C-alpha atoms as a PDB file:
ATOM      1  CA  MET A   1     131.980 -56.103 -82.625  1.00  0.00           C
ATOM      2  CA  ALA A   2     134.315 -53.505 -84.138  1.00  0.00           C
ATOM      3  CA  LEU A   3     133.740 -52.666 -87.794  1.00  0.00           C
ATOM      4  CA  ASN A   4     136.520 -52.318 -90.334  1.00  0.00           C
ATOM      5  CA  LEU A   5     136.604 -49.474 -92.877  1.00  0.00           C
ATOM      6  CA  GLU A   6     135.003 -51.557 -95.619  1.00  0.00           C
ATOM      7  CA  GLN A   7     132.033 -52.410 -93.371  1.00  0.00           C
ATOM      8  CA  THR A   8     131.771 -48.798 -92.211  1.00  0.00           C
ATOM      9  CA  THR A   9     131.769 -47.610 -95.832  1.00  0.00           C
ATOM     10  CA  SER A  10     128.981 -50.053 -96.652  1.00  0.00           C
ATOM     11  CA  LEU A  11     126.878 -48.663 -93.785  1.00  0.00           C
ATOM     12  CA  ILE A  12     127.183 -45.009 -94.784  1.00  0.00           C
ATOM     13  CA  VAL A  13     126.635 -45.787 -98.484  1.00  0.00           C
ATOM     14  CA  GLU A  14     123.513 -47.776 -97.609  1.00  0.00           C
ATOM     15  CA  ARG A  15     122.211 -44.822 -95.565  1.00  0.00           C
ATOM     16  CA  ALA A  16     122.914 -42.514 -98.521  1.00  0.00           C
ATOM     17  CA  ARG A  17     121.056 -44.970-100.762  1.00  0.00           C
ATOM     18  CA  GLN A  18     118.038 -44.735 -98.458  1.00  0.00           C
ATOM     19  CA  LEU A  19     118.079 -40.956 -98.889  1.00  0.00           C
ATOM     20  CA  VAL A  20     118.242 -41.414-102.664  1.00  0.00           C
ATOM     21  CA  ASN A  21     115.218 -43.723-102.568  1.00  0.00           C
ATOM     22  CA  GLN A  22     113.338 -41.229-100.407  1.00  0.00           C
ATOM     23  CA  LEU A  23     114.134 -38.427-102.855  1.00  0.00           C
ATOM     24  CA  VAL A  24     113.080 -40.519-105.850  1.00  0.00           C
ATOM     25  CA  GLU A  25     109.799 -41.371-104.127  1.00  0.00           C
ATOM     26  CA  ASP A  26     109.139 -37.701-103.309  1.00  0.00           C
ATOM     27  CA  ARG A  27     109.980 -36.599-106.856  1.00  0.00           C
ATOM     28  CA  GLY A  28     108.194 -39.422-108.607  1.00  0.00           C
ATOM     29  CA  HIS A  29     111.173 -40.063-110.920  1.00  0.00           C
ATOM     30  CA  ASP A  30     114.879 -40.971-110.817  1.00  0.00           C
ATOM     31  CA  ARG A  31     116.163 -38.672-113.552  1.00  0.00           C
ATOM     32  CA  PRO A  32     119.447 -36.896-112.783  1.00  0.00           C
ATOM     33  CA  PRO A  33     120.755 -34.511-111.671  1.00  0.00           C
ATOM     34  CA  PHE A  34     120.566 -35.225-107.948  1.00  0.00           C
ATOM     35  CA  LEU A  35     121.330 -31.962-106.168  1.00  0.00           C
ATOM     36  CA  SER A  36     122.633 -31.500-102.638  1.00  0.00           C
ATOM     37  CA  GLU A  37     119.925 -28.886-101.961  1.00  0.00           C
ATOM     38  CA  GLU A  38     117.300 -31.628-102.368  1.00  0.00           C
ATOM     39  CA  TYR A  39     119.028 -33.883 -99.838  1.00  0.00           C
ATOM     40  CA  ALA A  40     119.578 -31.005 -97.419  1.00  0.00           C
ATOM     41  CA  ARG A  41     115.830 -30.446 -97.391  1.00  0.00           C
ATOM     42  CA  LEU A  42     115.203 -34.154 -96.700  1.00  0.00           C
ATOM     43  CA  ARG A  43     117.772 -34.144 -93.896  1.00  0.00           C
ATOM     44  CA  GLY A  44     116.199 -31.093 -92.228  1.00  0.00           C
ATOM     45  CA  ILE A  45     119.257 -28.916 -92.822  1.00  0.00           C
ATOM     46  CA  LYS A  46     117.971 -25.357 -92.431  1.00  0.00           C
ATOM     47  CA  ARG A  47     119.832 -23.747 -95.309  1.00  0.00           C
ATOM     48  CA  ILE A  48     122.915 -23.719 -97.517  1.00  0.00           C
ATOM     49  CA  GLU A  49     124.832 -20.444 -97.396  1.00  0.00           C
ATOM     50  CA  LYS A  50     127.251 -19.450-100.154  1.00  0.00           C
ATOM     51  CA  VAL A  51     130.113 -17.473 -98.617  1.00  0.00           C
ATOM     52  CA  ASP A  52     133.829 -16.846 -99.118  1.00  0.00           C
ATOM     53  CA  LEU A  53     135.589 -19.641 -97.186  1.00  0.00           C
ATOM     54  CA  GLY A  54     139.083 -19.024 -98.497  1.00  0.00           C
ATOM     55  CA  GLU A  55     140.779 -22.392 -99.017  1.00  0.00           C
ATOM     56  CA  VAL A  56     137.925 -24.374 -97.407  1.00  0.00           C
ATOM     57  CA  SER A  57     135.356 -26.042 -99.680  1.00  0.00           C
ATOM     58  CA  ALA A  58     132.454 -26.285 -97.213  1.00  0.00           C
ATOM     59  CA  ILE A  59     131.637 -26.679 -93.528  1.00  0.00           C
ATOM     60  CA  LEU A  60     128.718 -28.154 -91.586  1.00  0.00           C
ATOM     61  CA  LEU A  61     127.596 -25.985 -88.662  1.00  0.00           C
ATOM     62  CA  LYS A  62     125.532 -27.559 -85.890  1.00  0.00           C
ATOM     63  CA  LEU A  63     123.617 -24.616 -84.456  1.00  0.00           C
ATOM     64  CA  HIS A  64     121.075 -24.593 -81.632  1.00  0.00           C
ATOM     65  CA  ASP A  65     118.200 -24.154 -84.087  1.00  0.00           C
ATOM     66  CA  GLY A  66     119.407 -26.625 -86.718  1.00  0.00           C
ATOM     67  CA  ASP A  67     122.251 -27.536 -89.072  1.00  0.00           C
ATOM     68  CA  VAL A  68     123.592 -25.118 -91.681  1.00  0.00           C
ATOM     69  CA  ILE A  69     125.995 -25.845 -94.539  1.00  0.00           C
ATOM     70  CA  ARG A  70     128.317 -23.099 -95.707  1.00  0.00           C
ATOM     71  CA  VAL A  71     129.862 -23.654 -99.121  1.00  0.00           C
ATOM     72  CA  ASN A  72     132.607 -21.686-100.861  1.00  0.00           C
ATOM     73  CA  GLN A  73     130.967 -19.286-103.308  1.00  0.00           C
ATOM     74  CA  ASN A  74     134.237 -18.962-105.245  1.00  0.00           C
ATOM     75  CA  HIS A  75     134.118 -22.585-106.428  1.00  0.00           C
ATOM     76  CA  ASN A  76     132.253 -23.702-109.535  1.00  0.00           C
ATOM     77  CA  LEU A  77     128.732 -25.101-109.179  1.00  0.00           C
ATOM     78  CA  THR A  78     129.694 -28.757-109.653  1.00  0.00           C
ATOM     79  CA  ARG A  79     132.310 -28.486-106.908  1.00  0.00           C
ATOM     80  CA  GLN A  80     129.807 -26.704-104.650  1.00  0.00           C
ATOM     81  CA  ASN A  81     127.330 -29.520-105.282  1.00  0.00           C
ATOM     82  CA  PHE A  82     129.849 -32.217-104.270  1.00  0.00           C
ATOM     83  CA  SER A  83     131.128 -30.193-101.287  1.00  0.00           C
ATOM     84  CA  CYS A  84     127.593 -29.830 -99.900  1.00  0.00           C
ATOM     85  CA  ALA A  85     126.921 -33.545-100.449  1.00  0.00           C
ATOM     86  CA  HIS A  86     130.197 -34.292 -98.623  1.00  0.00           C
ATOM     87  CA  GLU A  87     128.986 -32.253 -95.632  1.00  0.00           C
ATOM     88  CA  ILE A  88     125.709 -34.181 -95.691  1.00  0.00           C
ATOM     89  CA  GLY A  89     127.962 -37.242 -95.495  1.00  0.00           C
ATOM     90  CA  HIS A  90     129.347 -35.849 -92.236  1.00  0.00           C
ATOM     91  CA  ALA A  91     125.771 -35.542 -90.957  1.00  0.00           C
ATOM     92  CA  LEU A  92     125.137 -39.194 -91.869  1.00  0.00           C
ATOM     93  CA  LEU A  93     128.401 -40.201 -90.182  1.00  0.00           C
ATOM     94  CA  SER A  94     127.160 -38.566 -86.989  1.00  0.00           C
ATOM     95  CA  GLU A  95     123.640 -39.988 -87.347  1.00  0.00           C
ATOM     96  CA  LEU A  96     124.992 -43.538 -87.669  1.00  0.00           C
ATOM     97  CA  ASN A  97     127.471 -42.975 -84.813  1.00  0.00           C
ATOM     98  CA  LEU A  98     130.363 -44.234 -86.949  1.00  0.00           C
ATOM     99  CA  GLU A  99     133.044 -42.017 -85.374  1.00  0.00           C
ATOM    100  CA  PRO A 100     133.963 -44.714 -82.794  1.00  0.00           C
ATOM    101  CA  CYS A 101     134.514 -47.141 -85.689  1.00  0.00           C
ATOM    102  CA  ILE A 102     137.057 -44.768 -87.225  1.00  0.00           C
ATOM    103  CA  GLU A 103     138.786 -44.313 -83.865  1.00  0.00           C
ATOM    104  CA  ASP A 104     139.016 -48.107 -83.405  1.00  0.00           C
ATOM    105  CA  VAL A 105     140.694 -48.705 -86.783  1.00  0.00           C
ATOM    106  CA  GLU A 106     144.344 -49.647 -86.430  1.00  0.00           C
ATOM    107  CA  PHE A 107     146.836 -48.045 -88.825  1.00  0.00           C
ATOM    108  CA  ARG A 108     150.349 -49.396 -89.304  1.00  0.00           C
ATOM    109  CA  THR A 109     152.410 -46.542 -87.934  1.00  0.00           C
ATOM    110  CA  PHE A 110     154.156 -45.710 -84.675  1.00  0.00           C
ATOM    111  CA  ASN A 111     153.677 -41.967 -85.189  1.00  0.00           C
ATOM    112  CA  PRO A 112     150.712 -40.629 -83.131  1.00  0.00           C
ATOM    113  CA  GLN A 113     150.308 -37.671 -85.508  1.00  0.00           C
ATOM    114  CA  ALA A 114     150.223 -40.059 -88.462  1.00  0.00           C
ATOM    115  CA  HIS A 115     147.462 -42.011 -86.675  1.00  0.00           C
ATOM    116  CA  ALA A 116     145.363 -38.852 -86.372  1.00  0.00           C
ATOM    117  CA  LEU A 117     146.021 -37.927 -90.005  1.00  0.00           C
ATOM    118  CA  ALA A 118     145.116 -41.433 -91.223  1.00  0.00           C
ATOM    119  CA  ARG A 119     141.849 -41.357 -89.270  1.00  0.00           C
ATOM    120  CA  ALA A 120     141.022 -37.906 -90.650  1.00  0.00           C
ATOM    121  CA  LYS A 121     141.598 -39.196 -94.177  1.00  0.00           C
ATOM    122  CA  ALA A 122     139.430 -42.241 -93.463  1.00  0.00           C
ATOM    123  CA  ARG A 123     136.651 -39.941 -92.222  1.00  0.00           C
ATOM    124  CA  GLU A 124     136.842 -37.818 -95.381  1.00  0.00           C
ATOM    125  CA  ARG A 125     136.804 -40.918 -97.617  1.00  0.00           C
ATOM    126  CA  LEU A 126     133.633 -42.116 -95.895  1.00  0.00           C
ATOM    127  CA  CYS A 127     131.952 -38.771 -96.529  1.00  0.00           C
ATOM    128  CA  ASP A 128     133.146 -38.824-100.149  1.00  0.00           C
ATOM    129  CA  ALA A 129     131.627 -42.287-100.560  1.00  0.00           C
ATOM    130  CA  ALA A 130     128.307 -40.999 -99.227  1.00  0.00           C
ATOM    131  CA  ALA A 131     128.455 -37.928-101.486  1.00  0.00           C
ATOM    132  CA  THR A 132     129.195 -40.110-104.507  1.00  0.00           C
ATOM    133  CA  GLU A 133     126.132 -42.275-103.869  1.00  0.00           C
ATOM    134  CA  LEU A 134     123.941 -39.207-103.282  1.00  0.00           C
ATOM    135  CA  LEU A 135     124.949 -37.423-106.497  1.00  0.00           C
ATOM    136  CA  MET A 136     125.594 -40.466-108.719  1.00  0.00           C
ATOM    137  CA  PRO A 137     123.333 -43.205-107.302  1.00  0.00           C
ATOM    138  CA  GLU A 138     124.856 -46.491-108.409  1.00  0.00           C
ATOM    139  CA  ALA A 139     121.674 -47.999-109.895  1.00  0.00           C
ATOM    140  CA  VAL A 140     120.810 -44.863-111.871  1.00  0.00           C
ATOM    141  CA  PHE A 141     124.392 -44.186-112.945  1.00  0.00           C
ATOM    142  CA  LYS A 142     124.845 -47.758-114.202  1.00  0.00           C
ATOM    143  CA  LYS A 143     121.642 -47.461-116.237  1.00  0.00           C
ATOM    144  CA  TYR A 144     122.924 -44.354-118.025  1.00  0.00           C
ATOM    145  CA  LEU A 145     126.439 -45.784-118.386  1.00  0.00           C
ATOM    146  CA  SER A 146     125.136 -48.988-119.964  1.00  0.00           C
ATOM    147  CA  GLY A 147     123.260 -46.882-122.501  1.00  0.00           C
ATOM    148  CA  PHE A 148     126.277 -44.770-123.420  1.00  0.00           C
ATOM    149  CA  GLY A 149     129.088 -47.299-122.921  1.00  0.00           C
ATOM    150  CA  ALA A 150     132.367 -46.437-121.208  1.00  0.00           C
ATOM    151  CA  SER A 151     134.423 -43.938-123.208  1.00  0.00           C
ATOM    152  CA  ILE A 152     135.920 -40.472-122.963  1.00  0.00           C
ATOM    153  CA  LYS A 153     132.865 -39.083-124.782  1.00  0.00           C
ATOM    154  CA  SER A 154     130.417 -40.723-122.396  1.00  0.00           C
ATOM    155  CA  LEU A 155     132.543 -39.466-119.481  1.00  0.00           C
ATOM    156  CA  GLU A 156     131.796 -35.885-120.533  1.00  0.00           C
ATOM    157  CA  TRP A 157     128.108 -36.603-121.168  1.00  0.00           C
ATOM    158  CA  LEU A 158     127.649 -38.269-117.779  1.00  0.00           C
ATOM    159  CA  ALA A 159     129.453 -35.470-115.919  1.00  0.00           C
ATOM    160  CA  ASP A 160     127.117 -32.961-117.550  1.00  0.00           C
ATOM    161  CA  ILE A 161     123.964 -35.012-116.920  1.00  0.00           C
ATOM    162  CA  PHE A 162     124.740 -35.662-113.227  1.00  0.00           C
ATOM    163  CA  ARG A 163     126.321 -32.204-112.695  1.00  0.00           C
ATOM    164  CA  VAL A 164     129.496 -33.553-111.168  1.00  0.00           C
ATOM    165  CA  SER A 165     133.163 -33.102-111.995  1.00  0.00           C
ATOM    166  CA  ILE A 166     134.961 -34.967-114.759  1.00  0.00           C
ATOM    167  CA  SER A 167     137.311 -36.648-112.276  1.00  0.00           C
ATOM    168  CA  SER A 168     134.465 -37.788-109.977  1.00  0.00           C
ATOM    169  CA  THR A 169     132.642 -39.201-113.005  1.00  0.00           C
ATOM    170  CA  ALA A 170     135.764 -41.029-114.202  1.00  0.00           C
ATOM    171  CA  ILE A 171     136.173 -42.652-110.790  1.00  0.00           C
ATOM    172  CA  ARG A 172     132.505 -43.678-110.735  1.00  0.00           C
ATOM    173  CA  ILE A 173     132.782 -45.231-114.200  1.00  0.00           C
ATOM    174  CA  ALA A 174     135.823 -47.251-113.100  1.00  0.00           C
ATOM    175  CA  GLU A 175     134.036 -48.395-109.939  1.00  0.00           C
ATOM    176  CA  VAL A 176     130.705 -49.551-111.399  1.00  0.00           C
ATOM    177  CA  SER A 177     131.175 -50.178-115.131  1.00  0.00           C
ATOM    178  CA  ALA A 178     130.045 -53.651-116.250  1.00  0.00           C
ATOM    179  CA  GLU A 179     132.986 -53.600-118.666  1.00  0.00           C
ATOM    180  CA  PRO A 180     136.241 -53.544-116.654  1.00  0.00           C
ATOM    181  CA  CYS A 181     137.660 -50.025-116.804  1.00  0.00           C
ATOM    182  CA  ILE A 182     140.626 -48.248-115.225  1.00  0.00           C
ATOM    183  CA  ALA A 183     140.514 -44.472-114.661  1.00  0.00           C
ATOM    184  CA  LEU A 184     143.742 -42.492-114.413  1.00  0.00           C
ATOM    185  CA  LEU A 185     144.590 -38.838-113.859  1.00  0.00           C
ATOM    186  CA  TRP A 186     147.844 -37.306-115.093  1.00  0.00           C
ATOM    187  CA  HIS A 187     149.364 -34.008-113.923  1.00  0.00           C
ATOM    188  CA  PRO A 188     152.387 -32.086-115.219  1.00  0.00           C
ATOM    189  CA  ARG A 189     155.514 -32.768-113.190  1.00  0.00           C
ATOM    190  CA  PRO A 190     155.844 -29.900-110.684  1.00  0.00           C
ATOM    191  CA  ARG A 191     158.921 -27.681-110.515  1.00  0.00           C
ATOM    192  CA  THR A 192     160.764 -29.276-113.380  1.00  0.00           C
ATOM    193  CA  LYS A 193     161.898 -28.046-116.779  1.00  0.00           C
ATOM    194  CA  SER A 194     161.255 -31.351-118.545  1.00  0.00           C
ATOM    195  CA  LYS A 195     157.797 -31.451-120.077  1.00  0.00           C
ATOM    196  CA  ALA A 196     156.169 -34.665-118.921  1.00  0.00           C
ATOM    197  CA  LEU A 197     153.086 -35.903-117.091  1.00  0.00           C
ATOM    198  CA  ARG A 198     153.098 -38.016-113.963  1.00  0.00           C
ATOM    199  CA  LEU A 199     150.373 -40.313-112.692  1.00  0.00           C
ATOM    200  CA  ALA A 200     148.416 -38.659-109.848  1.00  0.00           C
ATOM    201  CA  TRP A 201     145.958 -41.496-109.167  1.00  0.00           C
ATOM    202  CA  ARG A 202     144.468 -44.668-110.597  1.00  0.00           C
ATOM    203  CA  VAL A 203     141.101 -46.291-109.777  1.00  0.00           C
ATOM    204  CA  GLY A 204     139.509 -49.507-110.986  1.00  0.00           C
ATOM    205  CA  PRO A 205     138.498 -51.852-112.250  1.00  0.00           C
ATOM    206  CA  GLY A 206     135.825 -52.134-109.562  1.00  0.00           C
ATOM    207  CA  LYS A 207     135.673 -50.606-106.095  1.00  0.00           C
ATOM    208  CA  LYS A 208     138.359 -52.635-104.343  1.00  0.00           C
ATOM    209  CA  SER A 209     141.393 -51.997-106.548  1.00  0.00           C
ATOM    210  CA  ARG A 210     142.458 -48.636-105.096  1.00  0.00           C
ATOM    211  CA  GLY A 211     146.014 -48.645-103.776  1.00  0.00           C
ATOM    212  CA  LYS A 212     146.958 -52.050-105.212  1.00  0.00           C
ATOM    213  CA  ALA A 213     149.932 -52.567-107.530  1.00  0.00           C
ATOM    214  CA  ASN A 214     147.798 -54.643-109.872  1.00  0.00           C
ATOM    215  CA  TYR A 215     146.227 -52.746-112.794  1.00  0.00           C
ATOM    216  CA  MET A 216     148.909 -50.055-112.566  1.00  0.00           C
ATOM    217  CA  PRO A 217     150.616 -48.748-115.714  1.00  0.00           C
ATOM    218  CA  VAL A 218     154.185 -49.999-116.040  1.00  0.00           C
ATOM    219  CA  HIS A 219     155.357 -46.451-116.746  1.00  0.00           C
ATOM    220  CA  THR A 220     153.858 -43.732-114.541  1.00  0.00           C
ATOM    221  CA  LEU A 221     155.592 -40.931-116.443  1.00  0.00           C
ATOM    222  CA  VAL A 222     154.313 -39.700-119.830  1.00  0.00           C
ATOM    223  CA  LYS A 223     156.967 -38.058-121.990  1.00  0.00           C
ATOM    224  CA  ARG A 224     156.289 -35.174-124.336  1.00  0.00           C
ATOM    225  CA  THR A 225     156.928 -37.379-127.368  1.00  0.00           C
ATOM    226  CA  SER A 226     154.158 -39.839-126.471  1.00  0.00           C
ATOM    227  CA  THR A 227     150.696 -39.902-128.052  1.00  0.00           C
ATOM    228  CA  LEU A 228     149.043 -39.541-124.651  1.00  0.00           C
ATOM    229  CA  TYR A 229     150.840 -36.217-124.085  1.00  0.00           C
ATOM    230  CA  LYS A 230     148.948 -34.772-127.061  1.00  0.00           C
ATOM    231  CA  ALA A 231     145.788 -34.951-124.927  1.00  0.00           C
ATOM    232  CA  TYR A 232     147.453 -32.440-122.591  1.00  0.00           C
ATOM    233  CA  GLN A 233     148.530 -30.182-125.453  1.00  0.00           C
ATOM    234  CA  TYR A 234     145.239 -30.107-127.357  1.00  0.00           C
ATOM    235  CA  ASP A 235     141.512 -30.376-126.648  1.00  0.00           C
ATOM    236  CA  ASP A 236     140.732 -33.396-128.809  1.00  0.00           C
ATOM    237  CA  PRO A 237     140.623 -36.902-127.292  1.00  0.00           C
ATOM    238  CA  VAL A 238     143.423 -39.289-128.256  1.00  0.00           C
ATOM    239  CA  LYS A 239     143.688 -43.063-128.394  1.00  0.00           C
ATOM    240  CA  CYS A 240     146.840 -45.074-127.713  1.00  0.00           C
ATOM    241  CA  HIS A 241     148.060 -48.214-125.943  1.00  0.00           C
ATOM    242  CA  LYS A 242     149.949 -48.523-122.648  1.00  0.00           C
ATOM    243  CA  LEU A 243     151.497 -51.412-120.761  1.00  0.00           C
ATOM    244  CA  PHE A 244     149.741 -52.363-117.507  1.00  0.00           C
ATOM    245  CA  ARG A 245     150.577 -54.854-114.789  1.00  0.00           C
ATOM    246  CA  LEU A 246     147.721 -57.360-114.736  1.00  0.00           C
ATOM    247  CA  ASP A 247     147.809 -60.254-112.296  1.00  0.00           C
ATOM    248  CA  ALA A 248     151.188 -61.950-112.757  1.00  0.00           C
ATOM    249  CA  GLY A 249     152.031 -60.422-116.126  1.00  0.00           C
ATOM    250  CA  VAL A 250     152.017 -57.325-118.304  1.00  0.00           C
ATOM    251  CA  LYS A 251     149.406 -56.499-120.946  1.00  0.00           C
ATOM    252  CA  ARG A 252     149.113 -53.777-123.571  1.00  0.00           C
ATOM    253  CA  LEU A 253     145.755 -52.046-123.070  1.00  0.00           C
ATOM    254  CA  PRO A 254     143.821 -49.605-125.259  1.00  0.00           C
ATOM    255  CA  VAL A 255     143.598 -46.179-123.611  1.00  0.00           C
ATOM    256  CA  GLU A 256     141.379 -43.165-124.354  1.00  0.00           C
ATOM    257  CA  SER A 257     142.531 -39.794-122.985  1.00  0.00           C
ATOM    258  CA  LYS A 258     141.475 -36.156-122.970  1.00  0.00           C
ATOM    259  CA  GLY A 259     142.806 -32.953-121.449  1.00  0.00           C
ATOM    260  CA  PHE A 260     140.640 -30.849-119.137  1.00  0.00           C
ATOM    261  CA  GLY A 261     141.058 -27.501-117.409  1.00  0.00           C
ATOM    262  CA  SER A 262     143.515 -24.750-118.271  1.00  0.00           C
ATOM    263  CA  GLY A 263     146.697 -23.176-116.951  1.00  0.00           C
ATOM    264  CA  GLU A 264     147.949 -24.700-113.707  1.00  0.00           C
ATOM    265  CA  MET A 265     144.724 -26.717-113.433  1.00  0.00           C
ATOM    266  CA  ARG A 266     145.298 -28.500-116.757  1.00  0.00           C
ATOM    267  CA  HIS A 267     145.285 -32.297-116.437  1.00  0.00           C
ATOM    268  CA  VAL A 268     144.540 -35.437-118.437  1.00  0.00           C
ATOM    269  CA  ILE A 269     141.971 -38.129-117.670  1.00  0.00           C
ATOM    270  CA  SER A 270     142.493 -41.566-119.220  1.00  0.00           C
ATOM    271  CA  LEU A 271     140.263 -44.624-119.387  1.00  0.00           C
ATOM    272  CA  ALA A 272     141.948 -47.994-120.005  1.00  0.00           C
ATOM    273  CA  PHE A 273     140.098 -51.199-120.887  1.00  0.00           C
ATOM    274  CA  PRO A 274     141.592 -54.555-119.775  1.00  0.00           C
ATOM    275  CA  ASP A 275     139.160 -56.725-121.791  1.00  0.00           C
ATOM    276  CA  ARG A 276     139.287 -54.959-125.152  1.00  0.00           C
END
């Protein structure tokens, strides 16, 4: 019986969870961080090489004497950690023989090139899901999140504790938080003189809300005069309210936001709370 993407994701995440359990048993504790080097050792990957890969984050090489991961030495350590875990996800994808499942998935397009692109994206999402479970195991992450509570401050603490990026942590919070939470990322509008932020992505509440119109902000553009824009201008977190589409109506939700990065990499992460 052919598996859909949701079932395939469940399989690779469960395999990643088994690796987590094996690591915890070997260590004798479940304290973060969970590093890709530890999983590489469990998987029998010979070594991780840090080299200049240009625009590429990492690659998995299947050599005659064993697998090798090459990771871009020019990226920061948290990105290197996730990139290596992503490549381990590719190894798990191969181990579970899930490639035929991706090939069997039907995508609504008549363009053959679009089919190939959609399947490539599906493959990368599966490996991201595995990497997320490896580096931020759901059971452990939820334990720490319940202690801190969902907020912009706890977002920074959790990213530091698990040694993952702010954006990856925000997504994980939105996916697994016991309190419904929506994570959003805002970028400056490219190639325009008007100073405003546009919505790049939105996740949550929960794992199955991605891509749905529900839980979307009514306005996906943030003007310079808004309170939220101050998070982009300064380093302090800001609180405001925004209108969101919830079910059949519109609701004004409390939102916490903070700017991260600098220069062209500057962006804003927001957390919105439907039940507050």
